Amino acid sequence: MTAINFPNSPSVNDVHTVGDISWKWTGVAWETVGVDYAVGPTGPTGATGPSGATGSTGPTGATGATGATGSTGATGATGADSTVPGPTGPTGATGPQGTSINFAGTVADITALNAITGQAVNDAYIVESDGNLWVWDGATWNDAGQIVGPQGPTGATGADSTVPGPTGATGPTGPTGATGAASTVAGPTGPTGLTGPTGATGAGVPTGGTAGQILAKIDGDNYNTQWITNTGGGASSVAELTDVELTDLANNQILLYNSSNSQWENVDTDVLTGANYDVLDGGTADSMYLVTVNGGNANG
């Protein structure tokens, strides 16, 4: 009998034909299709043929039924904490009604707590020395333990207040700072100060003297003066001057000697601005006399 070489790794419903016989792959085995044979008698067992060559590995068989549960193995090492919260469990049944208390205040210590009188059952006080809540049962105080939880994290900074706080106490005077640079901007003028007291009366002008005299220093001492008769140069009136040419005399004009024509001339005082002159007796350049008009008369 000729050996049939079926294809390797067939897919379900693949058909393989040899001669007039076809086989279809069911996923488990090749089955003939399209041929009906009458069943004849069983033939004698043939001689054992030589061993054929090892065929290629067949396809993976279908998954078998689940086996019986084995015994529980040893407990494995504890895994790392999960980073994903588990589902919320169902709400538990309502517990029994608790005992209510009447929070009455705080006291400094146990001695102060025991000094309280007139308390009612379930009156409660916080003792500041240990931070515990103590409840009166009608006969004694019972320590209910701490009622203050752990300190929470620092909250976010609140918005700035819109209401100014109270003014704090004045702090101590700080050290003197370094001298700043001189200002280049003049400050405002301060208010006028108060009038000072009247000074002592000065030496003043000595008494005495006669008309035409002048006051002269006697020596270098302050206020040491005397009346003397003026014996210096000059003229007491225009009439005493020579070479005078006057034109429309006016009050407070001056007589100025003009060396170009050798004449005294009357001019306004503004010609003397910025100049220095001497009152002299003779007709020299840059000499001058003050002219005062008295009733039409010009006097020096």
Protein backbone atom coordinates (compact mmCIF):
# COMPACT_ATOMS: atom_id res chain seq x y z
CA MET A 1 0.00 0.00 0.00
CA THR A 2 1.38 3.38 -0.97
CA ALA A 3 2.01 5.80 1.89
CA ILE A 4 0.07 9.05 1.73
CA ASN A 5 1.99 12.18 2.50
CA PHE A 6 -0.46 14.65 4.00
CA PRO A 7 0.58 18.33 4.05
CA ASN A 8 2.06 19.76 7.22
CA SER A 9 0.24 22.41 9.29
CA PRO A 10 -3.13 22.21 7.49
CA SER A 11 -6.00 24.58 8.26
CA VAL A 12 -9.50 23.39 9.16
CA ASN A 13 -11.44 22.21 6.05
CA ASP A 14 -8.28 21.93 3.91
CA VAL A 15 -8.79 19.08 1.31
CA HIS A 16 -6.03 16.69 0.15
CA THR A 17 -6.66 14.37 -2.83
CA VAL A 18 -4.69 11.33 -3.94
CA GLY A 19 -6.08 9.54 -6.98
CA ASP A 20 -9.86 9.38 -6.65
CA ILE A 21 -9.85 9.73 -2.85
CA SER A 22 -10.04 13.07 -1.01
CA TRP A 23 -9.46 13.83 2.66
CA LYS A 24 -10.58 16.93 4.67
CA TRP A 25 -8.78 18.26 7.79
CA THR A 26 -11.21 18.59 10.75
CA GLY A 27 -8.72 20.28 12.99
CA VAL A 28 -7.94 16.96 14.66
CA ALA A 29 -7.59 14.37 11.83
CA TRP A 30 -7.90 13.88 8.07
CA GLU A 31 -11.27 12.28 7.11
CA THR A 32 -12.26 10.92 3.71
CA VAL A 33 -14.97 12.72 1.81
CA GLY A 34 -17.20 11.83 -1.14
CA VAL A 35 -16.50 8.01 -1.23
CA ASP A 36 -18.85 5.28 0.01
CA TYR A 37 -17.34 1.83 0.46
CA ALA A 38 -19.07 -1.40 1.36
CA VAL A 39 -17.63 -2.90 4.44
CA GLY A 40 -15.87 -6.15 3.57
CA PRO A 41 -14.58 -8.78 5.91
CA THR A 42 -11.62 -8.06 7.99
CA GLY A 43 -8.51 -9.09 6.26
CA PRO A 44 -5.68 -10.91 7.90
CA THR A 45 -3.17 -8.93 9.78
CA GLY A 46 -0.35 -8.00 7.58
CA ALA A 47 3.26 -8.36 8.45
CA THR A 48 4.70 -5.57 10.41
CA GLY A 49 6.28 -3.13 8.06
CA PRO A 50 9.53 -1.44 8.64
CA SER A 51 9.47 1.61 10.87
CA GLY A 52 8.89 4.73 8.94
CA ALA A 53 10.85 7.89 9.28
CA THR A 54 9.82 10.16 12.14
CA GLY A 55 7.26 12.58 10.85
CA SER A 56 7.21 16.28 11.54
CA THR A 57 5.55 17.56 14.71
CA GLY A 58 1.83 17.66 14.30
CA PRO A 59 -0.33 20.68 15.09
CA THR A 60 -1.12 21.57 18.71
CA GLY A 61 -4.06 19.64 19.97
CA ALA A 62 -7.18 21.15 21.43
CA THR A 63 -7.04 22.33 25.08
CA GLY A 64 -7.81 19.54 27.45
CA ALA A 65 -10.27 19.67 30.31
CA THR A 66 -9.28 21.53 33.47
CA GLY A 67 -7.54 19.32 35.93
CA ALA A 68 -8.32 19.01 39.62
CA THR A 69 -7.17 21.86 41.90
CA GLY A 70 -3.79 21.18 43.37
CA SER A 71 -2.85 21.73 46.97
CA THR A 72 -2.19 25.31 48.16
CA GLY A 73 1.40 26.36 47.65
CA ALA A 74 3.58 28.24 50.11
CA THR A 75 2.79 31.94 50.72
CA GLY A 76 4.77 34.12 48.37
CA ALA A 77 6.68 37.27 49.31
CA THR A 78 4.61 40.43 49.98
CA GLY A 79 4.29 42.47 46.83
CA ALA A 80 4.81 46.23 46.52
CA ASP A 81 1.95 48.53 47.55
CA SER A 82 -0.54 49.13 44.81
CA THR A 83 -0.63 52.60 43.29
CA VAL A 84 -4.24 52.16 42.14
CA PRO A 85 -7.00 52.56 44.79
CA GLY A 86 -9.29 49.56 45.05
CA PRO A 87 -13.05 49.86 44.70
CA THR A 88 -15.02 51.34 47.59
CA GLY A 89 -16.49 48.65 49.79
CA PRO A 90 -20.17 48.49 50.67
CA THR A 91 -21.53 50.71 53.45
CA GLY A 92 -21.48 48.92 56.77
CA ALA A 93 -24.46 48.53 59.01
CA THR A 94 -25.42 51.40 61.30
CA GLY A 95 -23.71 51.12 64.66
CA PRO A 96 -25.45 51.44 68.01
CA GLN A 97 -26.32 54.88 69.38
CA GLY A 98 -23.32 56.42 71.11
CA THR A 99 -23.30 58.27 74.39
CA SER A 100 -23.53 62.04 74.00
CA ILE A 101 -21.44 64.41 76.08
CA ASN A 102 -21.85 68.02 77.11
CA PHE A 103 -18.60 69.86 76.38
CA ALA A 104 -18.32 72.35 79.23
CA GLY A 105 -14.90 73.95 78.61
CA THR A 106 -11.20 73.57 79.42
CA VAL A 107 -9.15 73.54 82.62
CA ALA A 108 -5.42 73.89 83.19
CA ASP A 109 -4.73 70.54 84.89
CA ILE A 110 -6.21 67.61 86.87
CA THR A 111 -6.18 69.62 90.10
CA ALA A 112 -8.37 72.28 88.48
CA LEU A 113 -10.63 69.53 87.06
CA ASN A 114 -11.18 67.95 90.49
CA ALA A 115 -12.01 71.36 91.93
CA ILE A 116 -15.11 71.68 89.71
CA THR A 117 -18.44 71.32 91.53
CA GLY A 118 -22.05 71.00 90.39
CA GLN A 119 -21.19 69.06 87.22
CA ALA A 120 -23.81 66.81 85.60
CA VAL A 121 -23.41 63.32 84.14
CA ASN A 122 -21.60 63.41 80.75
CA ASP A 123 -20.23 66.90 81.37
CA ALA A 124 -16.80 66.98 79.69
CA TYR A 125 -13.69 69.13 80.00
CA ILE A 126 -10.39 69.20 78.11
CA VAL A 127 -7.39 69.22 80.46
CA GLU A 128 -4.75 71.42 78.85
CA SER A 129 -1.82 69.76 80.66
CA ASP A 130 -2.35 66.44 78.83
CA GLY A 131 -4.74 67.41 76.01
CA ASN A 132 -7.24 64.68 76.98
CA LEU A 133 -11.01 64.85 77.26
CA TRP A 134 -12.35 63.97 80.73
CA VAL A 135 -16.05 62.97 81.16
CA TRP A 136 -18.01 62.94 84.47
CA ASP A 137 -19.98 59.69 85.03
CA GLY A 138 -21.75 60.87 88.15
CA ALA A 139 -19.04 59.68 90.52
CA THR A 140 -15.64 60.27 88.94
CA TRP A 141 -13.89 61.79 85.97
CA ASN A 142 -13.04 59.33 83.15
CA ASP A 143 -10.19 59.90 80.69
CA ALA A 144 -11.62 59.65 77.15
CA GLY A 145 -8.21 60.18 75.57
CA GLN A 146 -7.03 62.64 72.99
CA ILE A 147 -9.70 64.24 70.86
CA VAL A 148 -7.33 66.42 68.84
CA GLY A 149 -6.14 64.81 65.62
CA PRO A 150 -2.64 65.16 64.16
CA GLN A 151 -1.65 68.52 62.79
CA GLY A 152 -2.76 68.91 59.20
CA PRO A 153 -0.61 70.25 56.38
CA THR A 154 -0.11 73.97 56.00
CA GLY A 155 -2.97 75.49 54.05
CA ALA A 156 -2.60 77.68 51.01
CA THR A 157 -1.78 81.34 51.56
CA GLY A 158 -4.95 83.37 51.85
CA ALA A 159 -5.73 86.50 49.88
CA ASP A 160 -4.33 89.80 51.13
CA SER A 161 -6.50 91.48 53.73
CA THR A 162 -8.36 94.58 52.63
CA VAL A 163 -8.61 95.86 56.22
CA PRO A 164 -5.46 97.44 57.73
CA GLY A 165 -4.31 95.77 60.93
CA PRO A 166 -3.59 97.69 64.11
CA THR A 167 -0.41 99.75 64.24
CA GLY A 168 2.38 97.85 65.94
CA ALA A 169 4.58 99.20 68.70
CA THR A 170 7.43 101.47 67.66
CA GLY A 171 10.61 99.46 67.21
CA PRO A 172 14.00 100.46 68.62
CA THR A 173 15.99 103.12 66.83
CA GLY A 174 18.21 101.57 64.19
CA PRO A 175 21.90 102.43 63.74
CA THR A 176 22.79 105.66 61.99
CA GLY A 177 23.11 105.10 58.26
CA ALA A 178 26.00 106.28 56.12
CA THR A 179 25.94 109.93 55.04
CA GLY A 180 24.23 110.20 51.67
CA ALA A 181 25.52 112.20 48.73
CA ALA A 182 24.80 115.92 48.75
CA SER A 183 21.54 116.81 47.04
CA THR A 184 21.76 118.65 43.75
CA VAL A 185 18.26 120.07 44.16
CA ALA A 186 17.71 123.00 46.50
CA GLY A 187 15.08 122.34 49.13
CA PRO A 188 12.10 124.64 49.64
CA THR A 189 12.68 127.92 51.46
CA GLY A 190 11.78 127.59 55.10
CA PRO A 191 9.38 129.92 56.84
CA THR A 192 10.65 133.28 58.04
CA GLY A 193 12.03 133.01 61.53
CA LEU A 194 10.85 135.02 64.49
CA THR A 195 12.17 138.55 64.88
CA GLY A 196 15.17 138.53 67.14
CA PRO A 197 15.47 140.73 70.22
CA THR A 198 16.52 144.33 69.78
CA GLY A 199 20.26 144.70 70.04
CA ALA A 200 22.04 146.99 72.43
CA THR A 201 22.22 150.67 71.52
CA GLY A 202 25.33 151.38 69.45
CA ALA A 203 27.77 154.22 69.93
CA GLY A 204 25.95 156.24 67.25
CA VAL A 205 27.00 159.63 65.89
CA PRO A 206 28.72 161.83 68.44
CA THR A 207 26.88 164.99 69.43
CA GLY A 208 28.06 168.48 68.55
CA GLY A 209 29.50 169.71 65.28
CA THR A 210 28.48 172.67 63.15
CA ALA A 211 26.94 173.16 59.69
CA GLY A 212 29.23 171.89 56.92
CA GLN A 213 31.41 169.81 59.18
CA ILE A 214 31.99 166.13 58.48
CA LEU A 215 32.50 163.05 60.68
CA ALA A 216 36.09 161.68 60.64
CA LYS A 217 37.88 158.76 62.35
CA ILE A 218 40.32 159.74 65.08
CA ASP A 219 42.18 156.39 65.06
CA GLY A 220 41.58 152.70 64.34
CA ASP A 221 39.24 152.11 67.33
CA ASN A 222 35.59 151.44 66.58
CA TYR A 223 33.25 154.43 66.93
CA ASN A 224 36.15 156.77 67.83
CA THR A 225 35.11 159.72 65.59
CA GLN A 226 34.87 163.51 65.72
CA TRP A 227 33.37 166.42 63.82
CA ILE A 228 35.90 168.29 61.63
CA THR A 229 35.78 171.06 59.06
CA ASN A 230 36.28 169.77 55.49
CA THR A 231 39.49 171.30 54.18
CA GLY A 232 39.87 169.02 51.18
CA GLY A 233 39.55 169.96 47.48
CA GLY A 234 36.31 170.56 45.66
CA ALA A 235 33.98 173.45 45.01
CA SER A 236 30.93 174.49 46.96
CA SER A 237 29.12 175.91 43.90
CA VAL A 238 29.30 175.81 40.12
CA ALA A 239 30.28 179.47 40.20
CA GLU A 240 33.64 178.47 41.67
CA LEU A 241 34.47 176.26 38.66
CA THR A 242 36.23 177.52 35.57
CA ASP A 243 35.77 176.32 32.00
CA VAL A 244 32.15 175.30 32.56
CA GLU A 245 29.67 174.77 29.69
CA LEU A 246 26.17 174.11 31.07
CA THR A 247 23.13 173.13 29.02
CA ASP A 248 19.61 172.68 30.54
CA LEU A 249 20.66 171.75 34.03
CA ALA A 250 18.51 169.09 35.70
CA ASN A 251 18.42 167.77 39.25
CA ASN A 252 20.96 164.97 40.07
CA GLN A 253 23.00 165.50 36.93
CA ILE A 254 26.77 165.53 37.21
CA LEU A 255 29.47 167.81 35.87
CA LEU A 256 31.97 165.75 33.89
CA TYR A 257 35.25 167.25 32.68
CA ASN A 258 35.70 166.70 28.91
CA SER A 259 39.44 166.69 28.14
CA SER A 260 38.77 167.00 24.39
CA ASN A 261 37.44 170.56 24.75
CA SER A 262 38.79 171.32 28.26
CA GLN A 263 35.26 172.06 29.51
CA TRP A 264 33.02 170.94 32.41
CA GLU A 265 29.71 169.58 30.99
CA ASN A 266 26.51 168.56 32.71
CA VAL A 267 25.42 164.93 31.90
CA ASP A 268 23.00 162.34 33.34
CA THR A 269 24.35 159.97 35.99
CA ASP A 270 23.84 156.86 33.81
CA VAL A 271 27.07 157.69 31.97
CA LEU A 272 28.94 156.63 35.12
CA THR A 273 27.69 153.03 35.14
CA GLY A 274 30.63 150.72 35.77
CA ALA A 275 33.15 153.60 35.95
CA ASN A 276 35.17 155.05 38.81
CA TYR A 277 35.55 158.84 39.18
CA ASP A 278 37.08 161.23 41.64
CA VAL A 279 35.59 164.56 42.72
CA LEU A 280 38.47 166.92 42.05
CA ASP A 281 39.08 170.64 42.21
CA GLY A 282 40.77 171.22 38.88
CA GLY A 283 39.79 170.42 35.33
CA THR A 284 41.27 166.96 34.80
CA ALA A 285 39.95 164.00 32.85
CA ASP A 286 37.43 161.80 34.62
CA SER A 287 36.74 164.43 37.30
CA MET A 288 33.13 165.07 38.25
CA TYR A 289 30.77 167.14 40.38
CA LEU A 290 27.16 166.35 41.39
CA VAL A 291 24.80 169.07 40.24
CA THR A 292 21.72 169.92 42.36
CA VAL A 293 19.26 172.39 40.95
CA ASN A 294 17.84 174.68 43.61
CA GLY A 295 15.35 177.18 42.23
CA GLY A 296 17.17 177.41 38.93
CA ASN A 297 20.61 177.72 40.47
CA ALA A 298 23.16 174.96 39.94
CA ASN A 299 25.28 174.33 43.00
CA GLY A 300 28.07 171.72 43.42
